[in-house]
Amino acid sequence: MHRSPLRTPRRAVLGGMLALAGARFAAAATEAGLAPEIARILERRRLIVAVLDDAAPPFLDRAADGALTGTDIALAQDMAAALGVALALDPRVDGVDGVIRRVMSRDADLGLAGIAVDLDRAQRVRFSRPYTMLQQALLVNRARFAQDPGTDPVAALNRPDAVIALRGDRPDAAIRLQLPQAMLRRFPRWEPDMVEAVLRGDVAAALGDEVEIGRALSATPDAPLRLRAITIGALRQPIAAALPWDSVQLAAWVDLYLERAGAPLPIDQLIRVYGPAKDHN
């Protein structure tokens, strides 16, 4: 099994060595040659990471004691450890857009929130290389499509009277290319809003990623009898860290860290490597 270079049996020893190295870097942070964004992190001895103050498994979740956990929290912890500094989480209640705004204002060094890369966001922030790729699919009501089993389900959805549910913070360019004639309707949440809309027949389908689709199909014993997933190969969504547009050196450092960790990781491997997270600082 592939493992992050920091997730080894010698983790505690490495952590101590990295902390010592970080202290030395911090002492030298004002020396010429360090990029400003790196110097700021080392001088304050904290990596500030904006995240969602909400559950978005597997990237973000809540432990029984209310603490934030998930693969993004563990990833942030490992990045802070590699820099030899503490981690300071900046939870945002205003969704992914709030995380993006926090990064744009430079109140956070980077943002991790299962952020989908899209062209609009790329005008405002710099994205790292993806650390995972999510296959997207359409969740449909089995009974509705069983009425005409010979019809190609994708073609059946590409018409003006077919309403496709889309989460409010998700980009729509890819699905518009695949289903240009369908109508899109925004919903605040995948569960329960979008899943229930499919079950009621209020929408023809709901666009979700492989994690969301899997949860919907395993939610109840009869879910696979009522719902089905239609996979569209072209709908693959890169998930990456967001950084201020001018944080060139920090972005290069994050890319190198992710490259050494083997990114982009399949979602199941990301969960094995970075979850469950340990307590954060």
Protein backbone atom coordinates (compact mmCIF):
# COMPACT_ATOMS: atom_id res chain seq x y z
CA MET A 1 0.00 0.00 0.00
CA HIS A 2 1.31 3.44 -0.93
CA ARG A 3 1.86 5.61 2.11
CA SER A 4 2.60 9.26 2.63
CA PRO A 5 6.29 9.80 3.35
CA LEU A 6 5.30 11.21 6.72
CA ARG A 7 3.02 8.35 7.75
CA THR A 8 5.59 5.78 8.87
CA PRO A 9 6.26 3.91 12.14
CA ARG A 10 8.92 6.54 12.86
CA ARG A 11 6.37 9.37 12.67
CA ALA A 12 7.09 10.67 16.18
CA VAL A 13 10.86 10.78 15.56
CA LEU A 14 10.39 12.52 12.23
CA GLY A 15 7.97 14.97 13.82
CA GLY A 16 10.58 15.96 16.39
CA MET A 17 13.23 16.37 13.73
CA LEU A 18 10.91 18.47 11.57
CA ALA A 19 9.95 20.66 14.52
CA LEU A 20 13.63 21.29 15.26
CA ALA A 21 14.28 22.08 11.63
CA GLY A 22 11.28 24.41 11.61
CA ALA A 23 12.63 26.31 14.60
CA ARG A 24 15.92 26.79 12.77
CA PHE A 25 14.10 27.92 9.63
CA ALA A 26 12.03 30.37 11.67
CA ALA A 27 15.18 31.89 13.13
CA ALA A 28 16.51 32.42 9.62
CA ALA A 29 13.19 33.49 8.07
CA THR A 30 14.21 37.11 7.70
CA GLU A 31 17.36 36.23 5.77
CA ALA A 32 17.50 37.09 2.09
CA GLY A 33 16.37 34.38 -0.30
CA LEU A 34 13.19 33.16 1.39
CA ALA A 35 9.96 33.80 -0.47
CA PRO A 36 7.72 36.21 1.50
CA GLU A 37 4.87 33.72 1.97
CA ILE A 38 7.28 31.07 3.29
CA ALA A 39 8.97 33.60 5.59
CA ARG A 40 5.60 34.64 7.07
CA ILE A 41 4.71 31.04 7.93
CA LEU A 42 8.07 30.32 9.53
CA GLU A 43 8.16 33.59 11.47
CA ARG A 44 4.72 33.07 12.98
CA ARG A 45 5.47 29.33 13.36
CA ARG A 46 1.98 28.43 12.21
CA LEU A 47 0.48 27.28 8.94
CA ILE A 48 -3.01 28.82 8.66
CA VAL A 49 -5.38 26.63 6.67
CA ALA A 50 -8.95 27.66 5.87
CA VAL A 51 -11.41 24.75 5.92
CA LEU A 52 -15.16 24.22 5.96
CA ASP A 53 -16.83 24.32 9.35
CA ASP A 54 -19.10 21.53 8.18
CA ALA A 55 -19.11 17.85 7.30
CA ALA A 56 -18.01 16.98 3.77
CA PRO A 57 -16.76 13.37 4.10
CA PRO A 58 -14.14 12.12 3.55
CA PHE A 59 -12.41 15.48 3.30
CA LEU A 60 -13.97 17.03 6.41
CA ASP A 61 -16.00 15.54 9.21
CA ARG A 62 -16.73 15.83 12.92
CA ALA A 63 -15.38 13.58 15.64
CA ALA A 64 -17.61 12.58 18.57
CA ASP A 65 -16.15 15.45 20.61
CA GLY A 66 -16.96 17.97 17.88
CA ALA A 67 -13.38 18.35 16.62
CA LEU A 68 -12.82 18.67 12.89
CA THR A 69 -11.39 15.56 11.30
CA GLY A 70 -11.12 14.03 7.85
CA THR A 71 -8.50 13.57 5.14
CA ASP A 72 -8.05 17.32 4.54
CA ILE A 73 -7.33 17.90 8.23
CA ALA A 74 -4.74 15.11 8.25
CA LEU A 75 -3.23 16.47 5.02
CA ALA A 76 -2.97 19.95 6.59
CA GLN A 77 -1.36 18.47 9.70
CA ASP A 78 1.25 16.65 7.64
CA MET A 79 2.06 19.77 5.61
CA ALA A 80 2.51 21.79 8.79
CA ALA A 81 4.75 19.06 10.22
CA ALA A 82 6.84 19.03 7.03
CA LEU A 83 7.33 22.79 7.41
CA GLY A 84 8.19 22.30 11.09
CA VAL A 85 5.41 24.58 12.32
CA ALA A 86 2.08 24.24 14.14
CA LEU A 87 -1.24 23.97 12.32
CA ALA A 88 -3.89 26.66 12.83
CA LEU A 89 -7.28 25.80 11.33
CA ASP A 90 -9.57 28.60 10.15
CA PRO A 91 -13.06 27.02 9.94
CA ARG A 92 -15.48 28.86 7.65
CA VAL A 93 -19.26 28.61 7.94
CA ASP A 94 -19.80 30.32 4.57
CA GLY A 95 -18.96 27.31 2.42
CA VAL A 96 -16.23 26.76 -0.16
CA ASP A 97 -16.67 30.32 -1.41
CA GLY A 98 -15.85 31.52 2.11
CA VAL A 99 -12.68 29.42 2.10
CA ILE A 100 -11.74 30.90 -1.29
CA ARG A 101 -12.34 34.45 -0.02
CA ARG A 102 -10.18 33.77 3.04
CA VAL A 103 -7.35 32.65 0.78
CA MET A 104 -7.84 35.62 -1.56
CA SER A 105 -7.55 38.05 1.36
CA ARG A 106 -4.39 36.21 2.52
CA ASP A 107 -5.89 35.63 5.97
CA ALA A 108 -5.12 31.95 5.28
CA ASP A 109 -1.98 30.51 3.73
CA LEU A 110 -4.03 27.95 1.85
CA GLY A 111 -7.50 26.42 1.72
CA LEU A 112 -8.48 22.76 1.94
CA ALA A 113 -12.16 21.91 1.69
CA GLY A 114 -12.51 19.22 -0.95
CA ILE A 115 -12.28 22.17 -3.37
CA ALA A 116 -13.17 21.37 -6.95
CA VAL A 117 -10.91 23.07 -9.48
CA ASP A 118 -12.76 25.19 -12.02
CA LEU A 119 -11.98 28.05 -14.39
CA ASP A 120 -13.91 30.66 -12.40
CA ARG A 121 -12.07 29.94 -9.15
CA ALA A 122 -8.77 29.82 -11.04
CA GLN A 123 -9.24 33.50 -11.87
CA ARG A 124 -9.11 34.33 -8.15
CA VAL A 125 -6.74 31.81 -6.57
CA ARG A 126 -3.83 29.58 -7.53
CA PHE A 127 -4.49 25.84 -7.37
CA SER A 128 -1.99 23.19 -6.38
CA ARG A 129 -1.70 20.01 -8.35
CA PRO A 130 -4.72 17.79 -7.58
CA TYR A 131 -4.36 15.49 -4.58
CA THR A 132 -7.27 13.32 -5.70
CA MET A 133 -9.61 12.94 -8.68
CA LEU A 134 -13.29 12.21 -8.16
CA GLN A 135 -15.37 10.41 -10.74
CA GLN A 136 -18.74 12.11 -11.08
CA ALA A 137 -22.00 10.39 -11.93
CA LEU A 138 -25.70 11.05 -12.21
CA LEU A 139 -28.00 9.62 -9.55
CA VAL A 140 -31.37 8.71 -11.08
CA ASN A 141 -34.63 7.14 -9.98
CA ARG A 142 -34.71 3.52 -11.18
CA ALA A 143 -38.49 3.48 -11.61
CA ARG A 144 -38.40 6.49 -13.89
CA PHE A 145 -35.82 4.97 -16.26
CA ALA A 146 -37.31 1.48 -16.11
CA GLN A 147 -40.29 2.79 -18.11
CA ASP A 148 -38.15 2.82 -21.27
CA PRO A 149 -35.27 0.37 -20.77
CA GLY A 150 -34.09 0.64 -24.37
CA THR A 151 -33.33 4.35 -24.16
CA ASP A 152 -29.78 5.55 -23.60
CA PRO A 153 -30.06 7.21 -20.16
CA VAL A 154 -27.64 10.03 -20.99
CA ALA A 155 -29.49 10.86 -24.19
CA ALA A 156 -32.79 10.73 -22.27
CA LEU A 157 -31.48 13.40 -19.89
CA ASN A 158 -30.27 15.73 -22.63
CA ARG A 159 -33.54 17.54 -23.27
CA PRO A 160 -35.10 20.82 -22.12
CA ASP A 161 -37.66 19.23 -19.77
CA ALA A 162 -35.00 17.21 -17.89
CA VAL A 163 -33.96 18.95 -14.67
CA ILE A 164 -30.52 18.08 -13.27
CA ALA A 165 -29.84 18.86 -9.60
CA LEU A 166 -26.46 20.44 -8.86
CA ARG A 167 -25.01 21.48 -5.52
CA GLY A 168 -24.75 25.23 -5.14
CA ASP A 169 -20.96 25.40 -4.84
CA ARG A 170 -20.17 23.00 -7.71
CA PRO A 171 -18.94 24.14 -11.14
CA ASP A 172 -21.36 23.47 -13.98
CA ALA A 173 -19.18 23.76 -17.11
CA ALA A 174 -18.55 20.02 -17.48
CA ILE A 175 -22.16 18.92 -17.07
CA ARG A 176 -23.34 21.66 -19.46
CA LEU A 177 -20.99 20.27 -22.10
CA GLN A 178 -22.35 16.74 -21.58
CA LEU A 179 -26.04 17.73 -21.31
CA PRO A 180 -26.34 21.08 -23.08
CA GLN A 181 -30.14 20.93 -23.42
CA ALA A 182 -30.95 19.94 -19.84
CA MET A 183 -31.99 22.45 -17.20
CA LEU A 184 -29.83 22.82 -14.07
CA ARG A 185 -31.31 23.51 -10.65
CA ARG A 186 -29.10 24.42 -7.69
CA PHE A 187 -29.57 22.85 -4.26
CA PRO A 188 -27.76 23.74 -1.02
CA ARG A 189 -26.79 20.17 -0.08
CA TRP A 190 -26.37 16.72 -1.55
CA GLU A 191 -28.07 15.09 1.45
CA PRO A 192 -30.93 15.22 2.02
CA ASP A 193 -31.95 17.85 -0.54
CA MET A 194 -30.70 16.44 -3.84
CA VAL A 195 -31.16 12.75 -3.01
CA GLU A 196 -34.74 13.30 -1.86
CA ALA A 197 -35.49 15.36 -4.98
CA VAL A 198 -34.45 12.36 -7.10
CA LEU A 199 -36.53 9.96 -5.00
CA ARG A 200 -39.61 12.20 -5.26
CA GLY A 201 -39.15 12.66 -8.99
CA ASP A 202 -38.78 16.44 -8.64
CA VAL A 203 -35.61 16.24 -10.77
CA ALA A 204 -34.54 13.80 -13.45
CA ALA A 205 -31.10 13.27 -11.94
CA ALA A 206 -28.60 14.67 -9.46
CA LEU A 207 -24.93 15.19 -10.24
CA GLY A 208 -22.67 13.88 -7.46
CA ASP A 209 -19.18 12.55 -6.98
CA GLU A 210 -18.31 8.91 -6.31
CA VAL A 211 -18.30 9.43 -2.54
CA GLU A 212 -21.73 11.07 -2.49
CA ILE A 213 -23.19 8.49 -4.87
CA GLY A 214 -21.80 5.66 -2.74
CA ARG A 215 -23.37 7.10 0.41
CA ALA A 216 -26.75 7.46 -1.29
CA LEU A 217 -26.72 3.87 -2.56
CA SER A 218 -25.76 2.48 0.83
CA ALA A 219 -28.00 4.72 2.98
CA THR A 220 -30.81 2.15 3.28
CA PRO A 221 -31.12 -1.53 2.33
CA ASP A 222 -33.57 -0.71 -0.47
CA ALA A 223 -31.62 2.26 -1.88
CA PRO A 224 -30.05 0.24 -4.74
CA LEU A 225 -33.55 -0.89 -5.71
CA ARG A 226 -34.78 2.71 -5.92
CA LEU A 227 -31.70 4.50 -7.23
CA ARG A 228 -29.00 3.89 -9.80
CA ALA A 229 -25.86 5.69 -10.89
CA ILE A 230 -25.06 6.65 -14.48
CA THR A 231 -21.33 7.17 -14.87
CA ILE A 232 -20.09 9.60 -17.52
CA GLY A 233 -16.39 9.00 -18.14
CA ALA A 234 -15.65 12.60 -19.10
CA LEU A 235 -16.90 13.88 -15.72
CA ARG A 236 -13.79 13.65 -13.56
CA GLN A 237 -13.29 16.38 -10.97
CA PRO A 238 -9.81 17.36 -9.72
CA ILE A 239 -9.64 18.31 -6.02
CA ALA A 240 -6.80 20.61 -4.99
CA ALA A 241 -5.54 23.11 -2.42
CA ALA A 242 -6.26 26.80 -3.04
CA LEU A 243 -3.54 29.41 -2.46
CA PRO A 244 -3.25 33.17 -2.98
CA TRP A 245 -2.50 33.86 -6.63
CA ASP A 246 0.93 35.31 -5.86
CA SER A 247 2.08 32.54 -3.47
CA VAL A 248 4.29 31.06 -6.16
CA GLN A 249 6.89 29.48 -3.91
CA LEU A 250 4.40 28.03 -1.41
CA ALA A 251 2.44 26.56 -4.33
CA ALA A 252 5.63 24.97 -5.65
CA TRP A 253 6.35 23.57 -2.17
CA VAL A 254 2.81 22.13 -1.87
CA ASP A 255 3.12 20.59 -5.35
CA LEU A 256 6.42 18.96 -4.40
CA TYR A 257 4.92 17.64 -1.15
CA LEU A 258 1.95 16.16 -3.04
CA GLU A 259 4.19 14.70 -5.72
CA ARG A 260 6.24 12.91 -3.09
CA ALA A 261 3.04 11.64 -1.49
CA GLY A 262 2.04 10.11 -4.83
CA ALA A 263 -0.78 12.51 -5.69
CA PRO A 264 -3.24 12.41 -7.24
CA LEU A 265 -4.37 9.49 -5.10
CA PRO A 266 -7.52 7.47 -5.83
CA ILE A 267 -10.13 8.38 -3.22
CA ASP A 268 -9.90 5.02 -1.41
CA GLN A 269 -6.13 5.35 -1.17
CA LEU A 270 -6.43 8.96 0.02
CA ILE A 271 -8.65 7.72 2.84
CA ARG A 272 -6.20 4.95 3.75
CA VAL A 273 -3.23 7.33 3.82
CA TYR A 274 -4.80 10.43 5.39
CA GLY A 275 -7.67 9.17 7.48
CA PRO A 276 -8.75 9.07 10.15
CA ALA A 277 -6.97 12.24 11.21
CA LYS A 278 -5.35 12.70 14.57
CA ASP A 279 -6.12 15.59 16.93
CA HIS A 280 -5.07 18.94 15.48
CA ASN A 281 -3.30 21.82 17.18
